[in-house]
Amino acid sequence: MCGSFASASEALWELAEVAVPTKQVERRTQGIGTERCGERDAQAAVYLALPLVEQKGVPEGVIAPSVAVVEMDGGTVADFRSFEGE
């Protein structure tokens, strides 16, 4: 039995005056974790099924630049907007 489940059981009693056995806390926590992992896996499958363009699209409310350049120059980053007076 893990100490954190026992601590959670004690906290439920101290904070909410609800008696929940340690084993029940453990089972519910594991059940909720399993459910959440299933939801995550389903969402990931939907995302991965999208075409790459839709996966890597522009977030809502963001205007994409018309041109982007990627260069390898030893690790520095240049922001050409500063040269345009923005």
C-alpha atoms as a PDB file:
ATOM      1  CA  MET A   1       0.000   0.000   0.000  1.00  0.00           C
ATOM      2  CA  CYS A   2       1.364   3.407  -0.938  1.00  0.00           C
ATOM      3  CA  GLY A   3       1.705   6.120   1.717  1.00  0.00           C
ATOM      4  CA  SER A   4       0.128   8.781  -0.488  1.00  0.00           C
ATOM      5  CA  PHE A   5      -3.180   6.894  -0.565  1.00  0.00           C
ATOM      6  CA  ALA A   6      -3.167   6.714   3.230  1.00  0.00           C
ATOM      7  CA  SER A   7      -2.368  10.437   3.376  1.00  0.00           C
ATOM      8  CA  ALA A   8      -5.247  11.172   1.019  1.00  0.00           C
ATOM      9  CA  SER A   9      -7.582   9.100   3.163  1.00  0.00           C
ATOM     10  CA  GLU A  10      -6.504  11.033   6.252  1.00  0.00           C
ATOM     11  CA  ALA A  11      -6.851  14.366   4.434  1.00  0.00           C
ATOM     12  CA  LEU A  12     -10.396  13.507   3.385  1.00  0.00           C
ATOM     13  CA  TRP A  13     -11.263  12.924   7.016  1.00  0.00           C
ATOM     14  CA  GLU A  14      -9.489  16.027   8.326  1.00  0.00           C
ATOM     15  CA  LEU A  15     -10.713  18.419   5.646  1.00  0.00           C
ATOM     16  CA  ALA A  16     -14.157  17.092   4.758  1.00  0.00           C
ATOM     17  CA  GLU A  17     -14.956  14.745   7.654  1.00  0.00           C
ATOM     18  CA  VAL A  18     -15.550  11.988   5.118  1.00  0.00           C
ATOM     19  CA  ALA A  19     -14.295   8.533   6.058  1.00  0.00           C
ATOM     20  CA  VAL A  20     -12.854   6.835   2.988  1.00  0.00           C
ATOM     21  CA  PRO A  21     -10.737   3.718   3.478  1.00  0.00           C
ATOM     22  CA  THR A  22      -7.210   3.841   2.046  1.00  0.00           C
ATOM     23  CA  LYS A  23      -7.917   0.946  -0.305  1.00  0.00           C
ATOM     24  CA  GLN A  24     -10.981   2.743  -1.726  1.00  0.00           C
ATOM     25  CA  VAL A  25      -8.897   5.895  -2.326  1.00  0.00           C
ATOM     26  CA  GLU A  26      -6.343   3.745  -4.143  1.00  0.00           C
ATOM     27  CA  ARG A  27      -8.947   2.003  -6.313  1.00  0.00           C
ATOM     28  CA  ARG A  28     -10.756   5.226  -7.231  1.00  0.00           C
ATOM     29  CA  THR A  29      -7.478   6.976  -8.027  1.00  0.00           C
ATOM     30  CA  GLN A  30      -6.331   4.142 -10.255  1.00  0.00           C
ATOM     31  CA  GLY A  31      -9.738   3.965 -11.940  1.00  0.00           C
ATOM     32  CA  ILE A  32      -9.786   7.693 -12.658  1.00  0.00           C
ATOM     33  CA  GLY A  33      -6.185   7.506 -13.913  1.00  0.00           C
ATOM     34  CA  THR A  34      -7.048   4.656 -16.272  1.00  0.00           C
ATOM     35  CA  GLU A  35     -10.089   6.569 -17.546  1.00  0.00           C
ATOM     36  CA  ARG A  36      -8.023   9.712 -18.097  1.00  0.00           C
ATOM     37  CA  CYS A  37      -5.346   7.748 -20.001  1.00  0.00           C
ATOM     38  CA  GLY A  38      -8.077   6.365 -22.272  1.00  0.00           C
ATOM     39  CA  GLU A  39      -9.357   9.885 -22.962  1.00  0.00           C
ATOM     40  CA  ARG A  40      -5.815  11.093 -23.699  1.00  0.00           C
ATOM     41  CA  ASP A  41      -5.152   8.169 -26.055  1.00  0.00           C
ATOM     42  CA  ALA A  42      -8.422   8.811 -27.928  1.00  0.00           C
ATOM     43  CA  GLN A  43      -7.606  12.513 -28.327  1.00  0.00           C
ATOM     44  CA  ALA A  44      -4.093  11.682 -29.517  1.00  0.00           C
ATOM     45  CA  ALA A  45      -5.466   9.231 -32.101  1.00  0.00           C
ATOM     46  CA  VAL A  46      -7.842  11.890 -33.475  1.00  0.00           C
ATOM     47  CA  TYR A  47      -4.980  14.396 -33.692  1.00  0.00           C
ATOM     48  CA  LEU A  48      -2.607  11.940 -35.363  1.00  0.00           C
ATOM     49  CA  ALA A  49      -5.287  11.040 -37.927  1.00  0.00           C
ATOM     50  CA  LEU A  50      -5.389  14.659 -39.140  1.00  0.00           C
ATOM     51  CA  PRO A  51      -3.343  15.657 -42.179  1.00  0.00           C
ATOM     52  CA  LEU A  52      -0.009  17.221 -41.209  1.00  0.00           C
ATOM     53  CA  VAL A  53      -1.154  20.659 -42.381  1.00  0.00           C
ATOM     54  CA  GLU A  54      -4.063  20.545 -39.931  1.00  0.00           C
ATOM     55  CA  GLN A  55      -1.888  19.178 -37.122  1.00  0.00           C
ATOM     56  CA  LYS A  56       0.560  22.046 -37.467  1.00  0.00           C
ATOM     57  CA  GLY A  57      -1.936  24.767 -38.342  1.00  0.00           C
ATOM     58  CA  VAL A  58      -1.990  28.300 -37.023  1.00  0.00           C
ATOM     59  CA  PRO A  59      -3.699  28.697 -33.630  1.00  0.00           C
ATOM     60  CA  GLU A  60      -7.004  30.539 -33.595  1.00  0.00           C
ATOM     61  CA  GLY A  61      -6.537  34.316 -33.449  1.00  0.00           C
ATOM     62  CA  VAL A  62      -2.963  34.224 -34.782  1.00  0.00           C
ATOM     63  CA  ILE A  63      -2.071  35.636 -38.177  1.00  0.00           C
ATOM     64  CA  ALA A  64       0.571  33.527 -39.902  1.00  0.00           C
ATOM     65  CA  PRO A  65       3.397  35.329 -41.692  1.00  0.00           C
ATOM     66  CA  SER A  66       3.392  35.037 -45.462  1.00  0.00           C
ATOM     67  CA  VAL A  67       7.011  33.815 -45.511  1.00  0.00           C
ATOM     68  CA  ALA A  68       9.186  31.961 -43.030  1.00  0.00           C
ATOM     69  CA  VAL A  69      12.910  31.190 -43.290  1.00  0.00           C
ATOM     70  CA  VAL A  70      14.872  28.651 -41.297  1.00  0.00           C
ATOM     71  CA  GLU A  71      18.664  28.844 -41.405  1.00  0.00           C
ATOM     72  CA  MET A  72      21.488  27.063 -39.629  1.00  0.00           C
ATOM     73  CA  ASP A  73      24.092  29.601 -38.534  1.00  0.00           C
ATOM     74  CA  GLY A  74      25.703  28.340 -35.371  1.00  0.00           C
ATOM     75  CA  GLY A  75      22.866  28.839 -32.926  1.00  0.00           C
ATOM     76  CA  THR A  76      21.855  32.495 -33.187  1.00  0.00           C
ATOM     77  CA  VAL A  77      18.358  33.691 -33.976  1.00  0.00           C
ATOM     78  CA  ALA A  78      17.651  36.710 -36.150  1.00  0.00           C
ATOM     79  CA  ASP A  79      14.323  38.524 -36.007  1.00  0.00           C
ATOM     80  CA  PHE A  80      13.985  40.342 -39.293  1.00  0.00           C
ATOM     81  CA  ARG A  81      10.977  42.303 -38.055  1.00  0.00           C
ATOM     82  CA  SER A  82      13.441  44.520 -36.200  1.00  0.00           C
ATOM     83  CA  PHE A  83      15.006  45.449 -39.548  1.00  0.00           C
ATOM     84  CA  GLU A  84      11.601  46.407 -40.950  1.00  0.00           C
ATOM     85  CA  GLY A  85      10.954  48.901 -38.173  1.00  0.00           C
ATOM     86  CA  GLU A  86       8.257  46.839 -36.360  1.00  0.00           C
END
